[in-house]
Amino acid sequence: MAAAAALRFAMLLLFWLAIAGTAALPVGLIAAALGTAASLQLMPPARLRPRPAALALLVLRFPWQALRAGLAVARIALDPRAAPRPGTIEWTPRLPPGTARDAFLAYASLLPGTLPAGGLAGGAVLIHALEAEGAVAEAMTAEEARFARAFGLDG
């Protein structure tokens, strides 16, 4: 908890310094301390156990996956013979509702071709896909498993 508080304090102070400079440093110290206290009450630190190797693989895989998906999207959009079959699918994540699931959905929204578009009753998520007839749900589940493994959320 102390490490999370120190990190939040440091980030808020750096943000203050970037905006206001050092002229009002005493005010920045107070603002960072109050902001840290409020953030710890509103959003307690998560119990993450990052796995460096899995996290490195996720980070290194992301540009390649984004490039590959971007090329597929461009092919569908530019090739007159490749008619897109957009649609929405319901997908049920394995991560529980909360910060971890929200972080994964934000991560997934950066990849071309699929876009998490909202929550549904029962915990399902609506995914808009450029190619809705493919294995979108299976790909989302596999990507979620990689994400959970990287941050130690799978055990």
C-alpha atoms as a PDB file:
ATOM      1  CA  MET A   1       0.000   0.000   0.000  1.00  0.00           C
ATOM      2  CA  ALA A   2       2.847   2.366   0.825  1.00  0.00           C
ATOM      3  CA  ALA A   3       4.455   1.751  -2.582  1.00  0.00           C
ATOM      4  CA  ALA A   4       1.162   2.486  -4.363  1.00  0.00           C
ATOM      5  CA  ALA A   5       0.725   5.688  -2.355  1.00  0.00           C
ATOM      6  CA  ALA A   6       4.284   6.795  -3.091  1.00  0.00           C
ATOM      7  CA  LEU A   7       3.854   6.101  -6.807  1.00  0.00           C
ATOM      8  CA  ARG A   8       0.562   8.002  -6.983  1.00  0.00           C
ATOM      9  CA  PHE A   9       2.041  10.921  -5.024  1.00  0.00           C
ATOM     10  CA  ALA A  10       5.062  11.043  -7.340  1.00  0.00           C
ATOM     11  CA  MET A  11       2.917  10.922 -10.487  1.00  0.00           C
ATOM     12  CA  LEU A  12       0.592  13.666  -9.226  1.00  0.00           C
ATOM     13  CA  LEU A  13       3.537  15.829  -8.207  1.00  0.00           C
ATOM     14  CA  LEU A  14       5.186  15.331 -11.593  1.00  0.00           C
ATOM     15  CA  PHE A  15       1.918  16.278 -13.269  1.00  0.00           C
ATOM     16  CA  TRP A  16       1.756  19.410 -11.113  1.00  0.00           C
ATOM     17  CA  LEU A  17       5.338  20.327 -11.965  1.00  0.00           C
ATOM     18  CA  ALA A  18       4.701  19.825 -15.674  1.00  0.00           C
ATOM     19  CA  ILE A  19       1.766  22.219 -15.556  1.00  0.00           C
ATOM     20  CA  ALA A  20       2.813  24.828 -12.983  1.00  0.00           C
ATOM     21  CA  GLY A  21       6.577  24.492 -12.719  1.00  0.00           C
ATOM     22  CA  THR A  22       8.442  24.942  -9.452  1.00  0.00           C
ATOM     23  CA  ALA A  23       7.126  28.408  -8.603  1.00  0.00           C
ATOM     24  CA  ALA A  24       4.196  27.024  -6.596  1.00  0.00           C
ATOM     25  CA  LEU A  25       5.915  23.874  -5.278  1.00  0.00           C
ATOM     26  CA  PRO A  26       4.436  24.079  -1.743  1.00  0.00           C
ATOM     27  CA  VAL A  27       0.933  24.205  -3.202  1.00  0.00           C
ATOM     28  CA  GLY A  28       1.841  21.317  -5.525  1.00  0.00           C
ATOM     29  CA  LEU A  29       3.027  19.198  -2.590  1.00  0.00           C
ATOM     30  CA  ILE A  30      -0.246  19.788  -0.760  1.00  0.00           C
ATOM     31  CA  ALA A  31      -2.326  19.121  -3.887  1.00  0.00           C
ATOM     32  CA  ALA A  32      -0.406  15.907  -4.614  1.00  0.00           C
ATOM     33  CA  ALA A  33      -0.862  14.723  -1.011  1.00  0.00           C
ATOM     34  CA  LEU A  34      -4.604  15.451  -1.030  1.00  0.00           C
ATOM     35  CA  GLY A  35      -4.986  13.893  -4.474  1.00  0.00           C
ATOM     36  CA  THR A  36      -3.146  10.771  -3.330  1.00  0.00           C
ATOM     37  CA  ALA A  37      -5.338  10.417  -0.230  1.00  0.00           C
ATOM     38  CA  ALA A  38      -8.509  10.865  -2.271  1.00  0.00           C
ATOM     39  CA  SER A  39      -7.399   8.420  -4.976  1.00  0.00           C
ATOM     40  CA  LEU A  40      -6.546   5.737  -2.411  1.00  0.00           C
ATOM     41  CA  GLN A  41     -10.053   6.050  -0.950  1.00  0.00           C
ATOM     42  CA  LEU A  42     -11.832   6.094  -4.305  1.00  0.00           C
ATOM     43  CA  MET A  43      -9.698   3.461  -6.034  1.00  0.00           C
ATOM     44  CA  PRO A  44      -7.697   1.231  -3.681  1.00  0.00           C
ATOM     45  CA  PRO A  45      -4.542  -0.290  -5.172  1.00  0.00           C
ATOM     46  CA  ALA A  46      -5.059  -3.503  -7.125  1.00  0.00           C
ATOM     47  CA  ARG A  47      -3.222  -6.644  -6.131  1.00  0.00           C
ATOM     48  CA  LEU A  48      -1.256  -7.099  -9.336  1.00  0.00           C
ATOM     49  CA  ARG A  49       1.554  -9.608  -9.615  1.00  0.00           C
ATOM     50  CA  PRO A  50       3.083  -8.719 -12.973  1.00  0.00           C
ATOM     51  CA  ARG A  51       5.058 -11.469 -14.645  1.00  0.00           C
ATOM     52  CA  PRO A  52       7.960  -9.766 -16.421  1.00  0.00           C
ATOM     53  CA  ALA A  53       8.376 -12.367 -19.190  1.00  0.00           C
ATOM     54  CA  ALA A  54       4.643 -12.533 -19.996  1.00  0.00           C
ATOM     55  CA  LEU A  55       4.358  -8.740 -19.821  1.00  0.00           C
ATOM     56  CA  ALA A  56       7.329  -8.338 -22.173  1.00  0.00           C
ATOM     57  CA  LEU A  57       5.740 -10.794 -24.624  1.00  0.00           C
ATOM     58  CA  LEU A  58       2.449  -8.890 -24.487  1.00  0.00           C
ATOM     59  CA  VAL A  59       4.181  -5.555 -25.073  1.00  0.00           C
ATOM     60  CA  LEU A  60       6.364  -6.928 -27.884  1.00  0.00           C
ATOM     61  CA  ARG A  61       3.431  -8.751 -29.503  1.00  0.00           C
ATOM     62  CA  PHE A  62       1.201  -5.667 -29.576  1.00  0.00           C
ATOM     63  CA  PRO A  63       2.883  -3.763 -32.472  1.00  0.00           C
ATOM     64  CA  TRP A  64       3.008  -6.888 -34.648  1.00  0.00           C
ATOM     65  CA  GLN A  65      -0.610  -7.732 -33.894  1.00  0.00           C
ATOM     66  CA  ALA A  66      -1.723  -4.142 -34.530  1.00  0.00           C
ATOM     67  CA  LEU A  67       0.174  -4.068 -37.839  1.00  0.00           C
ATOM     68  CA  ARG A  68      -1.255  -7.415 -38.943  1.00  0.00           C
ATOM     69  CA  ALA A  69      -4.797  -6.419 -37.997  1.00  0.00           C
ATOM     70  CA  GLY A  70      -4.357  -2.991 -39.601  1.00  0.00           C
ATOM     71  CA  LEU A  71      -3.282  -4.592 -42.876  1.00  0.00           C
ATOM     72  CA  ALA A  72      -6.291  -6.917 -42.753  1.00  0.00           C
ATOM     73  CA  VAL A  73      -8.596  -3.954 -42.175  1.00  0.00           C
ATOM     74  CA  ALA A  74      -6.974  -2.044 -45.050  1.00  0.00           C
ATOM     75  CA  ARG A  75      -7.378  -5.056 -47.349  1.00  0.00           C
ATOM     76  CA  ILE A  76     -11.068  -5.342 -46.489  1.00  0.00           C
ATOM     77  CA  ALA A  77     -11.602  -1.604 -46.914  1.00  0.00           C
ATOM     78  CA  LEU A  78      -9.656  -1.193 -50.158  1.00  0.00           C
ATOM     79  CA  ASP A  79     -10.182  -4.464 -52.026  1.00  0.00           C
ATOM     80  CA  PRO A  80     -13.458  -4.267 -53.973  1.00  0.00           C
ATOM     81  CA  ARG A  81     -13.704  -8.080 -53.948  1.00  0.00           C
ATOM     82  CA  ALA A  82     -13.414  -8.292 -50.151  1.00  0.00           C
ATOM     83  CA  ALA A  83     -16.808  -7.259 -48.878  1.00  0.00           C
ATOM     84  CA  PRO A  84     -16.682  -6.503 -45.155  1.00  0.00           C
ATOM     85  CA  ARG A  85     -19.156  -8.334 -42.978  1.00  0.00           C
ATOM     86  CA  PRO A  86     -19.387  -6.023 -39.958  1.00  0.00           C
ATOM     87  CA  GLY A  87     -21.534  -6.832 -37.012  1.00  0.00           C
ATOM     88  CA  THR A  88     -21.677  -7.196 -33.292  1.00  0.00           C
ATOM     89  CA  ILE A  89     -21.134 -10.252 -31.178  1.00  0.00           C
ATOM     90  CA  GLU A  90     -21.685 -10.963 -27.523  1.00  0.00           C
ATOM     91  CA  TRP A  91     -18.551 -12.049 -25.704  1.00  0.00           C
ATOM     92  CA  THR A  92     -18.280 -13.047 -22.055  1.00  0.00           C
ATOM     93  CA  PRO A  93     -14.955 -12.097 -20.481  1.00  0.00           C
ATOM     94  CA  ARG A  94     -13.364 -14.234 -17.806  1.00  0.00           C
ATOM     95  CA  LEU A  95     -11.992 -11.233 -15.900  1.00  0.00           C
ATOM     96  CA  PRO A  96     -14.455 -10.040 -13.264  1.00  0.00           C
ATOM     97  CA  PRO A  97     -16.111  -6.643 -13.677  1.00  0.00           C
ATOM     98  CA  GLY A  98     -13.863  -3.868 -12.442  1.00  0.00           C
ATOM     99  CA  THR A  99     -10.566  -2.179 -13.141  1.00  0.00           C
ATOM    100  CA  ALA A 100      -8.786  -5.223 -14.613  1.00  0.00           C
ATOM    101  CA  ARG A 101     -11.579  -5.898 -17.106  1.00  0.00           C
ATOM    102  CA  ASP A 102     -11.798  -2.222 -18.007  1.00  0.00           C
ATOM    103  CA  ALA A 103      -8.018  -2.116 -18.585  1.00  0.00           C
ATOM    104  CA  PHE A 104      -8.231  -5.162 -20.859  1.00  0.00           C
ATOM    105  CA  LEU A 105     -11.127  -3.685 -22.850  1.00  0.00           C
ATOM    106  CA  ALA A 106      -9.180  -0.430 -23.274  1.00  0.00           C
ATOM    107  CA  TYR A 107      -6.185  -2.466 -24.481  1.00  0.00           C
ATOM    108  CA  ALA A 108      -8.400  -4.471 -26.869  1.00  0.00           C
ATOM    109  CA  SER A 109      -9.920  -1.289 -28.282  1.00  0.00           C
ATOM    110  CA  LEU A 110      -6.486  -0.279 -29.606  1.00  0.00           C
ATOM    111  CA  LEU A 111      -6.367  -3.237 -31.988  1.00  0.00           C
ATOM    112  CA  PRO A 112      -7.895  -2.625 -35.428  1.00  0.00           C
ATOM    113  CA  GLY A 113     -10.915  -4.630 -36.494  1.00  0.00           C
ATOM    114  CA  THR A 114     -12.674  -5.050 -33.139  1.00  0.00           C
ATOM    115  CA  LEU A 115     -14.046  -2.551 -30.682  1.00  0.00           C
ATOM    116  CA  PRO A 116     -15.591  -3.297 -27.285  1.00  0.00           C
ATOM    117  CA  ALA A 117     -18.826  -1.326 -27.509  1.00  0.00           C
ATOM    118  CA  GLY A 118     -20.552  -1.783 -24.166  1.00  0.00           C
ATOM    119  CA  GLY A 119     -21.572  -4.069 -21.375  1.00  0.00           C
ATOM    120  CA  LEU A 120     -24.638  -6.264 -21.429  1.00  0.00           C
ATOM    121  CA  ALA A 121     -26.676  -7.896 -18.708  1.00  0.00           C
ATOM    122  CA  GLY A 122     -25.073 -10.972 -17.253  1.00  0.00           C
ATOM    123  CA  GLY A 123     -21.517  -9.712 -17.678  1.00  0.00           C
ATOM    124  CA  ALA A 124     -21.266 -10.088 -21.444  1.00  0.00           C
ATOM    125  CA  VAL A 125     -19.625  -7.399 -23.563  1.00  0.00           C
ATOM    126  CA  LEU A 126     -20.808  -6.268 -26.969  1.00  0.00           C
ATOM    127  CA  ILE A 127     -17.951  -6.335 -29.501  1.00  0.00           C
ATOM    128  CA  HIS A 128     -18.222  -4.528 -32.828  1.00  0.00           C
ATOM    129  CA  ALA A 129     -16.169  -6.393 -35.413  1.00  0.00           C
ATOM    130  CA  LEU A 130     -15.334  -5.551 -38.993  1.00  0.00           C
ATOM    131  CA  GLU A 131     -15.485  -9.282 -39.749  1.00  0.00           C
ATOM    132  CA  ALA A 132     -18.189 -10.545 -37.381  1.00  0.00           C
ATOM    133  CA  GLU A 133     -18.353 -13.981 -39.006  1.00  0.00           C
ATOM    134  CA  GLY A 134     -14.802 -14.892 -37.940  1.00  0.00           C
ATOM    135  CA  ALA A 135     -13.566 -16.275 -34.657  1.00  0.00           C
ATOM    136  CA  VAL A 136     -13.809 -12.932 -32.853  1.00  0.00           C
ATOM    137  CA  ALA A 137     -14.894 -14.345 -29.501  1.00  0.00           C
ATOM    138  CA  GLU A 138     -12.113 -16.939 -29.506  1.00  0.00           C
ATOM    139  CA  ALA A 139      -9.518 -14.293 -30.381  1.00  0.00           C
ATOM    140  CA  MET A 140     -10.775 -12.005 -27.602  1.00  0.00           C
ATOM    141  CA  THR A 141     -10.644 -14.861 -25.089  1.00  0.00           C
ATOM    142  CA  ALA A 142      -7.078 -15.746 -26.101  1.00  0.00           C
ATOM    143  CA  GLU A 143      -5.982 -12.104 -25.888  1.00  0.00           C
ATOM    144  CA  GLU A 144      -7.662 -11.724 -22.501  1.00  0.00           C
ATOM    145  CA  ALA A 145      -5.767 -14.793 -21.247  1.00  0.00           C
ATOM    146  CA  ARG A 146      -2.451 -13.273 -22.399  1.00  0.00           C
ATOM    147  CA  PHE A 147      -3.331  -9.985 -20.695  1.00  0.00           C
ATOM    148  CA  ALA A 148      -4.349 -11.723 -17.448  1.00  0.00           C
ATOM    149  CA  ARG A 149      -1.166 -13.832 -17.452  1.00  0.00           C
ATOM    150  CA  ALA A 150       1.021 -10.739 -17.998  1.00  0.00           C
ATOM    151  CA  PHE A 151      -0.469  -8.952 -14.979  1.00  0.00           C
ATOM    152  CA  GLY A 152      -0.828 -12.003 -12.736  1.00  0.00           C
ATOM    153  CA  LEU A 153      -4.619 -11.956 -12.841  1.00  0.00           C
ATOM    154  CA  ASP A 154      -5.007 -15.562 -13.933  1.00  0.00           C
ATOM    155  CA  GLY A 155      -4.381 -17.311 -10.667  1.00  0.00           C
END
